Amino acid sequence: MSGLNRRDFLRASALAVGTIVVSSGLQGCLSSSSSDDAARELSFNHGVASGDPLADRVIIWTRVTPLDGRSSDISVGWEIATDAAFTDLVHSGTATTGAARDYTLKVDAQNLLPGTNYYYRFKAADVISPVGRMKTLPAGSIDQVRFAVMSCSNYPAGYFHVYAAAAAESELDAVIHLGDYIYEYGNGGYATEDAAALGRLLPDNNAGEILTLTDYRRRYALYRTDTDLQSLHAAAPFIAVWDDHEVANDTWRDGAENHNEGEGDFTARKLAALQAYFEWMPVRPASANDEETIYRRFDFGDLVSLHMLDTRIIGRDEQLDYANYIGASGFDATAFAADVSDSNRTLLGQTQLNWLQTQLATSTAIWQVLGQQILMGRMLLPAEMLTALQSPGSGDLTTMLTELVTIKLRRQAGDPTLTSEEIARIETVIPYNLDAWDGYAYEREVLLGTARGLNQNLIVLAGDTHNAWANNLATLSGDAVGVEFATASVSSPGLEEYLGLSDAEVPGAEQAITTLADGLEYLNANQRGYLVVTFTTNDAVADWRFVDTVKSSTWNLDTGRAKSLRTLPGAANRVLVPTLS
């Protein structure tokens, strides 16, 4: 089994590179297709999308669905205007798409003005697509940048109300999607127990675990029929990266937890998954002269440099497993500590790490923002919790948490009556999640040290866990570097299910985990939602929004659980503080 190297990435994306058509300006009216196409039955079942905005260009995307069973290519026209009525056209043109690219089409609209809203639409066989709105990146000195941040949208697990709520946000510069845009499982797999009742079972031709290019294409097609997802794509440009479920659970460079015997060659599966991703997502694929692949930088004037990272596929070493350190004599803490801090162990890969260090060194923006998949904050919890966390129901977790929190608070208060055994219970800590940055501790320290050495204001965005978190980020020596804002999931279940928490137990568990994990300032353990992050020259403010359910077609924003935190620029201020009232 070979790893996926740069050549593999270029091959995967080259398969989709034909979907990119460059549009430099007006080429004619939005005309019908050829006379042959005009007689065909076609539709735009999957809406429209935009993405990867720059100051002078944006990708626009659509897919044409042939309804007549014919497999011949289809001519598709597009228009871009400064107004929703399309009276002030700035771009138009026509290109063809077909089965080789799954009838998707991407247009790289260039020569646009910075910081400007545009409207776009497509036409095929006299059928006009929905209208989308997009925005180019601002240039020069700007006052504000505003992102909606989200991840982990599992179609059978629940409705995509989070997408609908984000689509209603005003003044968004971009939607940052941090991965797990799709899930690979089949009916009966992870988080599908309510799918039938919700009317969200996977269709018969895509009901199993997805392995082939056809499988992945059909899964994207299903997700993109969701009207809430379509509404968000039409409302603002996406800046996206993949996580593991775009391929398989707990993917790393050469394999995945959910790639098993009998499922074929993993590299072939990964290439198929990435080809479908490039076809269906509004991102610019790599090419022969593109050294960056999926990791890339977006500059929002002089205010924000957004560095989108691949912490999943291109460089990641295989995850550590606690089971490998447990023997007849118990847990081998010495061997584990040596492995988790190994200087040769990588998450990003040396090429991507070098690239990121260069970007941080050359950017003069006030805020340096990492758009990436997994928690960077140190989630070190008492070791005795590990068994309870890995084996829900094996003991009284609530009682254990209460005891540990009580000891921790007494320790913080300087209680001289604490016994050595009690102190050991809270000071013998290990990482909660080895799939996160905690499993790659050396490289995290290198990155944090780089940001501090360059005196940059670092904001880390994260997804993956299905829960909302906020962390203060510091070096091992205790120097503050920045903060982390992690978004809840769109629909995938979180800690409430993993720990078997009732609604009544959630507040106590949130308080306990926040108390026990140094650096952790906030946790919402049981709700689905998204994150709005607003940057100004004075502060960066994170507002967590939650929906009250993803299990009913009727829903509301849960304003009672909303949370807001902020951080200030400057070496003396790089910690989380309450927002101004």
Protein backbone atom coordinates (compact mmCIF):
# COMPACT_ATOMS: atom_id res chain seq x y z
CA MET A 1 0.00 0.00 0.00
CA SER A 2 1.63 3.22 -1.09
CA GLY A 3 1.05 6.72 0.26
CA LEU A 4 -0.67 9.49 -1.67
CA ASN A 5 2.17 11.72 -2.82
CA ARG A 6 2.13 14.97 -4.74
CA ARG A 7 1.95 13.19 -8.08
CA ASP A 8 -1.12 11.29 -6.89
CA PHE A 9 -2.76 14.57 -5.86
CA LEU A 10 -2.01 16.09 -9.24
CA ARG A 11 -3.41 13.04 -10.97
CA ALA A 12 -6.57 13.15 -8.85
CA SER A 13 -7.16 16.82 -9.45
CA ALA A 14 -6.20 16.63 -13.12
CA LEU A 15 -9.15 14.32 -13.58
CA ALA A 16 -11.32 17.22 -12.49
CA VAL A 17 -9.29 20.05 -13.99
CA GLY A 18 -11.38 19.90 -17.15
CA THR A 19 -14.30 21.21 -15.14
CA ILE A 20 -12.56 24.57 -14.79
CA VAL A 21 -13.39 27.08 -17.51
CA VAL A 22 -11.80 30.52 -17.37
CA SER A 23 -14.20 33.41 -17.93
CA SER A 24 -12.49 36.76 -18.43
CA GLY A 25 -15.55 38.87 -19.28
CA LEU A 26 -18.53 39.22 -21.59
CA GLN A 27 -18.62 36.65 -24.38
CA GLY A 28 -22.25 37.00 -25.44
CA CYS A 29 -25.73 36.67 -24.00
CA LEU A 30 -26.95 33.77 -21.90
CA SER A 31 -28.20 31.86 -24.88
CA SER A 32 -29.91 28.53 -25.17
CA SER A 33 -27.84 25.45 -25.81
CA SER A 34 -27.39 23.99 -29.27
CA SER A 35 -30.50 23.03 -31.19
CA ASP A 36 -29.94 19.44 -30.15
CA ASP A 37 -29.64 20.39 -26.47
CA ALA A 38 -32.69 22.63 -26.64
CA ALA A 39 -34.90 19.61 -27.20
CA ARG A 40 -33.48 17.73 -24.22
CA GLU A 41 -35.02 17.37 -20.78
CA LEU A 42 -32.56 18.85 -18.29
CA SER A 43 -32.67 20.33 -14.81
CA PHE A 44 -30.47 21.99 -12.20
CA ASN A 45 -31.34 19.63 -9.34
CA HIS A 46 -28.27 20.49 -7.28
CA GLY A 47 -28.40 24.27 -7.29
CA VAL A 48 -25.41 26.56 -7.73
CA ALA A 49 -22.35 27.38 -5.66
CA SER A 50 -19.36 29.70 -5.52
CA GLY A 51 -16.03 29.35 -3.81
CA ASP A 52 -12.33 30.11 -3.43
CA PRO A 53 -12.82 33.88 -3.79
CA LEU A 54 -9.83 36.10 -4.45
CA ALA A 55 -9.76 39.86 -4.89
CA ASP A 56 -10.28 39.56 -8.66
CA ARG A 57 -11.91 36.17 -9.20
CA VAL A 58 -14.33 33.57 -7.84
CA ILE A 59 -15.20 30.01 -8.84
CA ILE A 60 -18.86 29.43 -9.75
CA TRP A 61 -20.29 25.90 -9.96
CA THR A 62 -23.34 23.99 -11.07
CA ARG A 63 -24.42 20.53 -12.17
CA VAL A 64 -26.84 19.76 -14.99
CA THR A 65 -29.00 16.67 -14.58
CA PRO A 66 -30.04 14.94 -17.83
CA LEU A 67 -33.58 13.60 -17.43
CA ASP A 68 -33.80 11.87 -20.81
CA GLY A 69 -31.30 9.06 -20.23
CA ARG A 70 -28.89 10.35 -22.88
CA SER A 71 -25.18 10.49 -22.01
CA SER A 72 -23.98 13.02 -24.59
CA ASP A 73 -22.30 16.27 -23.56
CA ILE A 74 -24.42 19.29 -22.66
CA SER A 75 -23.77 22.95 -23.45
CA VAL A 76 -24.16 25.25 -20.42
CA GLY A 77 -24.18 29.04 -20.43
CA TRP A 78 -23.49 31.37 -17.52
CA GLU A 79 -24.00 35.02 -16.63
CA ILE A 80 -22.49 37.18 -13.88
CA ALA A 81 -23.89 40.61 -13.02
CA THR A 82 -23.64 43.28 -10.38
CA ASP A 83 -27.41 43.13 -9.76
CA ALA A 84 -29.91 40.36 -9.10
CA ALA A 85 -31.94 41.35 -12.17
CA PHE A 86 -28.90 40.77 -14.42
CA THR A 87 -29.22 44.14 -16.13
CA ASP A 88 -25.54 45.02 -15.56
CA LEU A 89 -23.72 42.01 -16.99
CA VAL A 90 -19.96 41.68 -16.48
CA HIS A 91 -19.44 38.04 -17.55
CA SER A 92 -21.10 35.53 -19.84
CA GLY A 93 -20.07 32.49 -21.78
CA THR A 94 -20.77 28.89 -22.72
CA ALA A 95 -18.97 25.61 -22.12
CA THR A 96 -19.79 21.91 -22.27
CA THR A 97 -19.94 19.27 -19.58
CA GLY A 98 -20.69 15.58 -19.60
CA ALA A 99 -20.46 12.20 -17.94
CA ALA A 100 -16.65 12.34 -17.69
CA ARG A 101 -17.01 15.08 -15.06
CA ASP A 102 -20.37 13.90 -13.72
CA TYR A 103 -22.12 16.78 -15.53
CA THR A 104 -20.56 19.34 -13.18
CA LEU A 105 -19.16 22.64 -14.43
CA LYS A 106 -16.86 25.14 -12.73
CA VAL A 107 -16.11 28.57 -14.12
CA ASP A 108 -13.23 30.68 -12.80
CA ALA A 109 -14.64 34.17 -13.23
CA GLN A 110 -11.74 36.62 -13.44
CA ASN A 111 -11.18 40.37 -13.82
CA LEU A 112 -13.68 41.18 -11.06
CA LEU A 113 -13.51 44.10 -8.63
CA PRO A 114 -12.34 43.54 -5.04
CA GLY A 115 -14.81 43.51 -2.16
CA THR A 116 -17.80 43.42 -4.52
CA ASN A 117 -21.00 41.38 -4.50
CA TYR A 118 -21.97 39.68 -7.75
CA TYR A 119 -24.88 37.51 -8.89
CA TYR A 120 -24.59 34.51 -11.19
CA ARG A 121 -26.75 31.92 -12.93
CA PHE A 122 -26.55 29.17 -15.55
CA LYS A 123 -28.73 28.04 -18.45
CA ALA A 124 -29.04 24.78 -20.39
CA ALA A 125 -31.75 23.71 -22.85
CA ASP A 126 -33.78 26.84 -22.04
CA VAL A 127 -33.75 25.92 -18.34
CA ILE A 128 -32.32 28.60 -16.03
CA SER A 129 -30.66 27.68 -12.75
CA PRO A 130 -31.30 29.30 -9.38
CA VAL A 131 -29.42 32.56 -8.83
CA GLY A 132 -26.39 32.64 -6.57
CA ARG A 133 -24.65 35.52 -4.84
CA MET A 134 -20.89 35.70 -4.36
CA LYS A 135 -18.34 38.20 -3.12
CA THR A 136 -14.72 38.86 -4.00
CA LEU A 137 -12.11 39.38 -1.30
CA PRO A 138 -11.54 42.97 -0.16
CA ALA A 139 -8.25 44.73 -0.81
CA GLY A 140 -6.29 47.40 1.05
CA SER A 141 -7.32 48.73 4.44
CA ILE A 142 -10.64 47.30 5.66
CA ASP A 143 -12.71 47.52 8.83
CA GLN A 144 -14.33 44.08 9.18
CA VAL A 145 -14.26 40.47 7.97
CA ARG A 146 -17.05 38.04 8.87
CA PHE A 147 -17.06 34.24 8.46
CA ALA A 148 -19.62 31.52 9.11
CA VAL A 149 -17.74 28.38 10.17
CA MET A 150 -19.14 24.85 10.13
CA SER A 151 -18.33 21.16 9.71
CA CYS A 152 -19.64 17.60 10.01
CA SER A 153 -22.86 17.42 8.02
CA ASN A 154 -24.23 13.87 8.14
CA TYR A 155 -27.33 13.54 5.94
CA PRO A 156 -29.01 10.54 7.64
CA ALA A 157 -28.26 11.88 11.15
CA GLY A 158 -30.59 14.86 10.92
CA TYR A 159 -31.87 17.83 8.99
CA PHE A 160 -29.47 20.53 7.79
CA HIS A 161 -31.17 23.39 9.69
CA VAL A 162 -27.73 24.76 10.55
CA TYR A 163 -27.13 25.51 6.87
CA ALA A 164 -30.46 27.33 6.66
CA ALA A 165 -29.63 29.43 9.72
CA ALA A 166 -26.21 30.37 8.34
CA ALA A 167 -27.77 31.32 4.98
CA ALA A 168 -29.83 33.94 6.82
CA GLU A 169 -26.72 35.63 8.27
CA SER A 170 -26.02 39.11 6.96
CA GLU A 171 -22.73 40.53 5.68
CA LEU A 172 -20.86 37.23 5.36
CA ASP A 173 -17.58 37.46 3.48
CA ALA A 174 -17.28 33.69 3.21
CA VAL A 175 -18.45 30.36 4.58
CA ILE A 176 -15.58 28.31 5.98
CA HIS A 177 -16.36 24.59 5.76
CA LEU A 178 -13.81 22.57 7.73
CA GLY A 179 -14.66 19.15 6.36
CA ASP A 180 -16.84 16.09 6.74
CA TYR A 181 -19.06 17.66 4.10
CA ILE A 182 -20.25 14.11 3.38
CA TYR A 183 -20.04 10.83 5.30
CA GLU A 184 -19.02 7.52 3.77
CA TYR A 185 -21.16 5.13 5.85
CA GLY A 186 -24.12 3.17 4.52
CA ASN A 187 -27.61 2.69 5.94
CA GLY A 188 -27.26 1.01 9.33
CA GLY A 189 -23.88 2.68 9.89
CA TYR A 190 -22.86 5.56 12.13
CA ALA A 191 -25.67 7.94 13.17
CA THR A 192 -28.27 6.47 10.80
CA GLU A 193 -30.67 5.13 13.44
CA ASP A 194 -33.22 7.93 12.86
CA ALA A 195 -32.83 8.15 9.09
CA ALA A 196 -36.00 6.25 8.18
CA ALA A 197 -38.17 8.28 10.54
CA LEU A 198 -36.69 11.50 9.18
CA GLY A 199 -37.10 10.48 5.55
CA ARG A 200 -33.33 10.64 5.10
CA LEU A 201 -32.39 7.04 4.33
CA LEU A 202 -29.68 6.67 1.71
CA PRO A 203 -31.14 5.65 -1.69
CA ASP A 204 -30.95 2.06 -2.87
CA ASN A 205 -28.20 2.77 -5.41
CA ASN A 206 -26.04 4.40 -2.73
CA ALA A 207 -27.14 2.62 0.43
CA GLY A 208 -23.85 0.94 1.34
CA GLU A 209 -20.47 2.27 2.38
CA ILE A 210 -19.07 4.27 -0.53
CA LEU A 211 -15.87 2.93 -2.13
CA THR A 212 -15.84 3.79 -5.85
CA LEU A 213 -15.94 6.98 -7.89
CA THR A 214 -19.58 6.31 -8.76
CA ASP A 215 -20.37 5.80 -5.07
CA TYR A 216 -18.76 9.09 -4.01
CA ARG A 217 -20.41 11.01 -6.84
CA ARG A 218 -23.84 9.70 -5.89
CA ARG A 219 -23.29 10.62 -2.24
CA TYR A 220 -22.42 14.22 -3.16
CA ALA A 221 -25.43 14.32 -5.46
CA LEU A 222 -27.70 13.23 -2.60
CA TYR A 223 -26.35 15.83 -0.18
CA ARG A 224 -26.64 18.58 -2.77
CA THR A 225 -30.36 17.94 -3.23
CA ASP A 226 -30.84 19.26 0.31
CA THR A 227 -32.51 22.65 -0.04
CA ASP A 228 -30.90 24.07 3.11
CA LEU A 229 -27.43 23.26 1.81
CA GLN A 230 -28.37 24.70 -1.58
CA SER A 231 -29.54 27.92 0.07
CA LEU A 232 -26.22 28.44 1.85
CA HIS A 233 -24.20 27.72 -1.28
CA ALA A 234 -26.31 30.27 -3.14
CA ALA A 235 -25.89 32.89 -0.40
CA ALA A 236 -22.10 33.16 -0.06
CA PRO A 237 -18.83 31.74 -1.39
CA PHE A 238 -17.40 28.66 0.33
CA ILE A 239 -13.77 28.21 1.32
CA ALA A 240 -13.53 24.50 2.07
CA VAL A 241 -11.12 21.75 3.03
CA TRP A 242 -11.72 18.04 3.43
CA ASP A 243 -11.52 16.06 6.66
CA ASP A 244 -11.62 12.28 6.96
CA HIS A 245 -15.18 11.32 6.01
CA GLU A 246 -14.81 12.69 2.50
CA VAL A 247 -12.69 9.52 2.19
CA ALA A 248 -13.13 7.25 5.25
CA ASN A 249 -13.18 7.57 9.04
CA ASP A 250 -9.84 8.49 10.66
CA THR A 251 -8.01 8.77 7.36
CA TRP A 252 -4.25 9.22 7.45
CA ARG A 253 -1.59 9.29 4.73
CA ASP A 254 -1.63 5.55 3.93
CA GLY A 255 -4.93 4.26 5.30
CA ALA A 256 -8.02 4.76 7.40
CA GLU A 257 -9.79 3.14 10.33
CA ASN A 258 -12.79 2.54 8.09
CA HIS A 259 -10.96 0.93 5.21
CA ASN A 260 -10.98 -2.80 5.75
CA GLU A 261 -10.10 -6.11 4.13
CA GLY A 262 -12.14 -6.71 1.02
CA GLU A 263 -12.60 -3.00 0.26
CA GLY A 264 -9.87 -2.81 -2.37
CA ASP A 265 -6.75 -0.68 -2.60
CA PHE A 266 -6.87 2.32 -0.29
CA THR A 267 -4.99 4.66 -2.62
CA ALA A 268 -7.46 3.90 -5.42
CA ARG A 269 -10.33 4.65 -3.06
CA LYS A 270 -8.72 7.89 -1.95
CA LEU A 271 -8.12 9.02 -5.53
CA ALA A 272 -11.76 8.34 -6.37
CA ALA A 273 -12.90 10.29 -3.31
CA LEU A 274 -10.71 13.28 -4.16
CA GLN A 275 -11.79 13.32 -7.79
CA ALA A 276 -15.43 13.48 -6.70
CA TYR A 277 -14.53 16.22 -4.21
CA PHE A 278 -12.88 18.36 -6.89
CA GLU A 279 -15.82 17.80 -9.23
CA TRP A 280 -18.53 18.68 -6.72
CA MET A 281 -16.90 21.39 -4.58
CA PRO A 282 -16.27 24.99 -5.74
CA VAL A 283 -12.50 24.81 -5.19
CA ARG A 284 -9.59 25.30 -7.56
CA PRO A 285 -7.90 21.92 -8.09
CA ALA A 286 -4.15 21.49 -8.14
CA SER A 287 -2.37 21.46 -11.48
CA ALA A 288 1.08 20.74 -12.81
CA ASN A 289 2.37 24.13 -11.62
CA ASP A 290 0.48 24.20 -8.33
CA GLU A 291 2.59 23.19 -5.34
CA GLU A 292 -0.13 23.81 -2.75
CA THR A 293 -2.82 21.19 -3.49
CA ILE A 294 -5.69 21.74 -1.02
CA TYR A 295 -3.79 23.99 1.41
CA ARG A 296 -3.88 27.60 0.32
CA ARG A 297 -4.06 31.22 1.55
CA PHE A 298 -6.73 33.91 1.27
CA ASP A 299 -5.97 37.55 2.14
CA PHE A 300 -8.83 39.78 3.27
CA GLY A 301 -7.12 43.12 2.81
CA ASP A 302 -4.80 44.11 5.63
CA LEU A 303 -7.04 42.55 8.29
CA VAL A 304 -7.04 38.74 7.92
CA SER A 305 -4.82 36.14 6.31
CA LEU A 306 -6.69 32.84 6.19
CA HIS A 307 -4.48 29.77 5.84
CA MET A 308 -6.51 26.68 4.92
CA LEU A 309 -4.69 23.50 5.94
CA ASP A 310 -4.84 19.79 5.23
CA THR A 311 -4.36 18.06 8.59
CA ARG A 312 -5.83 14.82 7.33
CA ILE A 313 -4.43 13.36 4.11
CA ILE A 314 -1.29 14.78 2.58
CA GLY A 315 1.14 14.45 5.49
CA ARG A 316 -0.47 12.76 8.50
CA ASP A 317 1.28 9.82 10.17
CA GLU A 318 -0.99 7.08 11.48
CA GLN A 319 -2.81 7.89 14.71
CA LEU A 320 -1.49 6.46 17.96
CA ASP A 321 -3.70 3.94 19.78
CA TYR A 322 -3.82 3.65 23.56
CA ALA A 323 -4.43 -0.09 23.22
CA ASN A 324 -0.84 -0.49 22.01
CA TYR A 325 0.49 0.82 25.34
CA ILE A 326 -1.58 -1.33 27.67
CA GLY A 327 -0.04 -4.62 28.76
CA ALA A 328 -0.09 -7.05 31.65
CA SER A 329 1.65 -4.51 33.87
CA GLY A 330 -0.74 -1.70 32.94
CA PHE A 331 -0.28 1.46 30.88
CA ASP A 332 3.27 2.11 29.62
CA ALA A 333 3.33 5.87 30.17
CA THR A 334 7.02 6.19 29.33
CA ALA A 335 6.68 4.62 25.89
CA PHE A 336 3.53 6.60 25.16
CA ALA A 337 5.13 9.93 26.14
CA ALA A 338 8.12 9.20 23.91
CA ASP A 339 5.96 8.38 20.91
CA VAL A 340 3.49 11.24 21.23
CA SER A 341 6.33 13.78 21.47
CA ASP A 342 8.51 12.20 18.76
CA SER A 343 10.08 14.98 16.67
CA ASN A 344 9.75 12.83 13.54
CA ARG A 345 6.01 12.45 13.96
CA THR A 346 4.07 14.68 11.56
CA LEU A 347 0.52 15.83 10.98
CA LEU A 348 1.02 18.41 8.22
CA GLY A 349 4.03 16.89 6.50
CA GLN A 350 7.26 18.85 6.17
CA THR A 351 6.35 20.50 2.87
CA GLN A 352 3.08 21.88 4.17
CA LEU A 353 4.64 22.94 7.49
CA ASN A 354 7.38 24.82 5.63
CA TRP A 355 4.72 26.48 3.47
CA LEU A 356 2.70 27.56 6.51
CA GLN A 357 5.74 28.95 8.30
CA THR A 358 6.55 30.99 5.19
CA GLN A 359 2.98 32.31 4.99
CA LEU A 360 3.04 33.36 8.65
CA ALA A 361 6.38 35.05 8.14
CA THR A 362 5.33 37.01 5.06
CA SER A 363 1.79 38.06 6.02
CA THR A 364 1.35 41.58 7.42
CA ALA A 365 -2.35 41.14 8.25
CA ILE A 366 -3.45 41.84 11.83
CA TRP A 367 -4.99 38.37 12.26
CA GLN A 368 -3.46 35.05 11.18
CA VAL A 369 -6.27 32.50 10.94
CA LEU A 370 -5.80 28.76 10.47
CA GLY A 371 -8.77 27.03 8.85
CA GLN A 372 -8.22 23.38 9.70
CA GLN A 373 -10.01 20.29 10.85
CA ILE A 374 -9.06 19.15 14.35
CA LEU A 375 -8.71 20.55 17.88
CA MET A 376 -5.34 22.16 18.52
CA GLY A 377 -5.89 22.97 22.21
CA ARG A 378 -4.42 20.60 24.78
CA MET A 379 -7.27 18.38 25.93
CA LEU A 380 -5.39 16.71 28.77
CA LEU A 381 -7.76 14.98 31.18
CA PRO A 382 -7.22 12.80 34.26
CA ALA A 383 -6.04 9.36 33.17
CA GLU A 384 -8.69 7.54 35.17
CA MET A 385 -11.34 9.16 32.95
CA LEU A 386 -9.98 7.34 29.90
CA THR A 387 -11.70 4.06 30.72
CA ALA A 388 -14.97 5.83 31.38
CA LEU A 389 -14.70 7.85 28.16
CA GLN A 390 -13.82 4.81 26.08
CA SER A 391 -16.36 2.54 27.77
CA PRO A 392 -19.57 4.48 28.47
CA GLY A 393 -21.67 2.70 31.05
CA SER A 394 -18.68 0.99 32.67
CA GLY A 395 -19.00 3.12 35.78
CA ASP A 396 -20.65 6.15 37.30
CA LEU A 397 -19.12 8.88 35.16
CA THR A 398 -21.06 11.66 36.86
CA THR A 399 -19.76 10.67 40.29
CA MET A 400 -16.20 10.43 38.99
CA LEU A 401 -16.39 13.87 37.38
CA THR A 402 -17.78 15.39 40.56
CA GLU A 403 -14.96 13.93 42.61
CA LEU A 404 -12.25 15.07 40.20
CA VAL A 405 -13.64 18.59 39.91
CA THR A 406 -13.83 18.90 43.68
CA ILE A 407 -10.20 17.85 44.01
CA LYS A 408 -9.14 20.23 41.23
CA LEU A 409 -10.90 23.19 42.86
CA ARG A 410 -9.39 22.34 46.24
CA ARG A 411 -5.96 22.14 44.59
CA GLN A 412 -6.44 25.54 42.95
CA ALA A 413 -7.44 26.98 46.33
CA GLY A 414 -4.28 25.60 47.92
CA ASP A 415 -6.05 23.13 50.25
CA PRO A 416 -3.28 21.65 52.46
CA THR A 417 -5.39 18.63 53.40
CA LEU A 418 -5.25 17.07 49.95
CA THR A 419 -3.57 13.67 49.96
CA SER A 420 -0.90 12.64 47.47
CA GLU A 421 -3.34 10.12 46.03
CA GLU A 422 -5.94 12.84 45.42
CA ILE A 423 -3.37 15.11 43.79
CA ALA A 424 -2.26 12.25 41.55
CA ARG A 425 -5.83 11.73 40.38
CA ILE A 426 -5.96 15.19 38.78
CA GLU A 427 -2.31 15.64 37.80
CA THR A 428 -1.88 12.31 36.03
CA VAL A 429 -3.29 13.48 32.71
CA ILE A 430 -3.28 12.13 29.17
CA PRO A 431 -4.69 13.39 25.85
CA TYR A 432 -8.39 12.78 25.31
CA ASN A 433 -8.22 12.46 21.50
CA LEU A 434 -5.13 11.11 19.72
CA ASP A 435 -6.69 11.88 16.31
CA ALA A 436 -6.38 15.60 17.16
CA TRP A 437 -3.23 17.73 17.55
CA ASP A 438 -2.72 16.11 20.96
CA GLY A 439 -1.49 13.05 19.08
CA TYR A 440 1.12 15.15 17.25
CA ALA A 441 2.48 17.22 20.13
CA TYR A 442 5.92 18.07 18.75
CA GLU A 443 4.63 19.57 15.52
CA ARG A 444 2.03 21.58 17.44
CA GLU A 445 4.80 23.06 19.57
CA VAL A 446 6.78 23.95 16.44
CA LEU A 447 3.77 25.74 14.97
CA LEU A 448 2.88 27.61 18.15
CA GLY A 449 6.53 28.57 18.59
CA THR A 450 6.62 29.90 15.03
CA ALA A 451 3.57 32.10 15.58
CA ARG A 452 4.94 33.44 18.86
CA GLY A 453 8.40 34.03 17.44
CA LEU A 454 6.88 36.05 14.59
CA ASN A 455 4.68 37.99 17.06
CA GLN A 456 1.55 37.08 15.09
CA ASN A 457 -2.00 37.15 16.42
CA LEU A 458 -3.09 33.55 15.91
CA ILE A 459 -6.70 32.34 15.61
CA VAL A 460 -7.28 28.63 15.02
CA LEU A 461 -10.61 27.42 13.61
CA ALA A 462 -11.52 23.77 14.14
CA GLY A 463 -14.31 21.30 13.50
CA ASP A 464 -14.34 17.48 13.60
CA THR A 465 -15.52 16.86 17.19
CA HIS A 466 -19.22 17.73 16.66
CA ASN A 467 -19.10 20.01 19.71
CA ALA A 468 -18.37 23.69 20.33
CA TRP A 469 -15.12 24.52 22.15
CA ALA A 470 -12.92 27.52 22.91
CA ASN A 471 -9.29 27.13 23.96
CA ASN A 472 -6.44 29.37 24.98
CA LEU A 473 -3.34 28.30 23.07
CA ALA A 474 0.06 28.50 24.74
CA THR A 475 3.51 26.97 24.34
CA LEU A 476 4.70 24.33 26.78
CA SER A 477 6.56 27.06 28.62
CA GLY A 478 3.23 28.87 29.15
CA ASP A 479 3.62 31.73 26.66
CA ALA A 480 0.24 32.77 25.24
CA VAL A 481 0.10 32.44 21.46
CA GLY A 482 -3.54 32.76 20.47
CA VAL A 483 -6.97 31.17 20.78
CA GLU A 484 -8.99 28.41 19.19
CA PHE A 485 -12.64 28.61 18.15
CA ALA A 486 -14.18 25.20 17.34
CA THR A 487 -17.58 24.82 15.76
CA ALA A 488 -20.29 22.33 16.61
CA SER A 489 -21.51 19.96 13.90
CA VAL A 490 -24.25 20.53 11.35
CA SER A 491 -25.99 17.25 12.23
CA SER A 492 -23.58 14.60 13.59
CA PRO A 493 -24.08 13.66 17.27
CA GLY A 494 -21.56 14.79 19.88
CA LEU A 495 -20.42 14.08 23.40
CA GLU A 496 -23.97 13.73 24.66
CA GLU A 497 -24.25 10.48 22.72
CA TYR A 498 -20.66 9.31 23.15
CA LEU A 499 -20.83 9.71 26.94
CA GLY A 500 -24.47 8.68 27.23
CA LEU A 501 -25.43 12.00 28.86
CA SER A 502 -29.01 12.91 29.59
CA ASP A 503 -30.10 16.51 29.11
CA ALA A 504 -29.96 16.97 32.89
CA GLU A 505 -26.37 15.70 33.03
CA VAL A 506 -25.02 17.91 30.24
CA PRO A 507 -24.40 21.14 32.22
CA GLY A 508 -22.46 19.28 34.92
CA ALA A 509 -20.35 17.45 32.35
CA GLU A 510 -19.58 20.69 30.49
CA GLN A 511 -18.50 22.40 33.71
CA ALA A 512 -16.42 19.41 34.78
CA ILE A 513 -14.53 19.02 31.50
CA THR A 514 -13.91 22.78 31.29
CA THR A 515 -12.52 22.76 34.82
CA LEU A 516 -10.35 19.68 34.37
CA ALA A 517 -8.79 20.60 30.99
CA ASP A 518 -6.37 23.49 31.49
CA GLY A 519 -6.74 26.09 28.75
CA LEU A 520 -10.30 25.08 27.88
CA GLU A 521 -12.63 28.03 28.36
CA TYR A 522 -15.90 26.85 26.82
CA LEU A 523 -17.72 23.69 25.80
CA ASN A 524 -21.21 22.97 24.47
CA ALA A 525 -21.48 19.19 24.64
CA ASN A 526 -24.85 18.42 23.09
CA GLN A 527 -26.05 20.85 20.45
CA ARG A 528 -25.69 21.21 16.71
CA GLY A 529 -24.77 24.59 15.30
CA TYR A 530 -22.24 26.84 13.63
CA LEU A 531 -19.86 29.66 14.45
CA VAL A 532 -19.77 33.27 13.28
CA VAL A 533 -16.35 34.92 13.65
CA THR A 534 -16.04 38.67 13.14
CA PHE A 535 -12.63 40.32 12.82
CA THR A 536 -11.89 44.03 13.27
CA THR A 537 -8.74 45.92 14.07
CA ASN A 538 -9.77 45.91 17.73
CA ASP A 539 -10.79 42.29 18.34
CA ALA A 540 -11.86 38.91 17.00
CA VAL A 541 -15.29 37.85 18.26
CA ALA A 542 -16.67 34.31 18.10
CA ASP A 543 -20.44 33.83 18.32
CA TRP A 544 -21.67 30.26 18.64
CA ARG A 545 -25.18 29.68 17.30
CA PHE A 546 -27.22 26.54 17.98
CA VAL A 547 -30.43 25.09 16.59
CA ASP A 548 -32.88 23.52 19.03
CA THR A 549 -33.18 20.27 17.03
CA VAL A 550 -32.06 18.48 13.88
CA LYS A 551 -34.59 15.69 14.42
CA SER A 552 -37.72 17.65 13.44
CA SER A 553 -38.58 19.56 10.30
CA THR A 554 -39.60 22.52 12.46
CA TRP A 555 -36.83 24.27 14.36
CA ASN A 556 -35.60 27.50 15.92
CA LEU A 557 -32.32 29.04 16.95
CA ASP A 558 -31.73 28.33 20.64
CA THR A 559 -30.88 31.84 21.78
CA GLY A 560 -30.63 30.71 25.39
CA ARG A 561 -27.54 28.62 24.67
CA ALA A 562 -25.80 31.11 22.36
CA LYS A 563 -22.26 32.00 23.43
CA SER A 564 -19.88 34.84 22.58
CA LEU A 565 -16.16 35.23 23.35
CA ARG A 566 -13.44 37.48 21.98
CA THR A 567 -9.71 38.01 21.91
CA LEU A 568 -7.62 41.15 21.40
CA PRO A 569 -4.54 41.67 19.25
CA GLY A 570 -1.13 42.20 20.79
CA ALA A 571 1.33 40.03 22.69
CA ALA A 572 -0.21 40.91 26.07
CA ASN A 573 -3.79 40.08 25.00
CA ARG A 574 -3.79 36.71 23.23
CA VAL A 575 -6.32 34.99 25.48
CA LEU A 576 -10.09 34.62 25.53
CA VAL A 577 -12.10 37.31 27.29
CA PRO A 578 -15.84 37.97 27.61
CA THR A 579 -17.45 40.01 24.88
CA LEU A 580 -18.45 43.57 25.58
CA SER A 581 -22.05 43.90 26.78
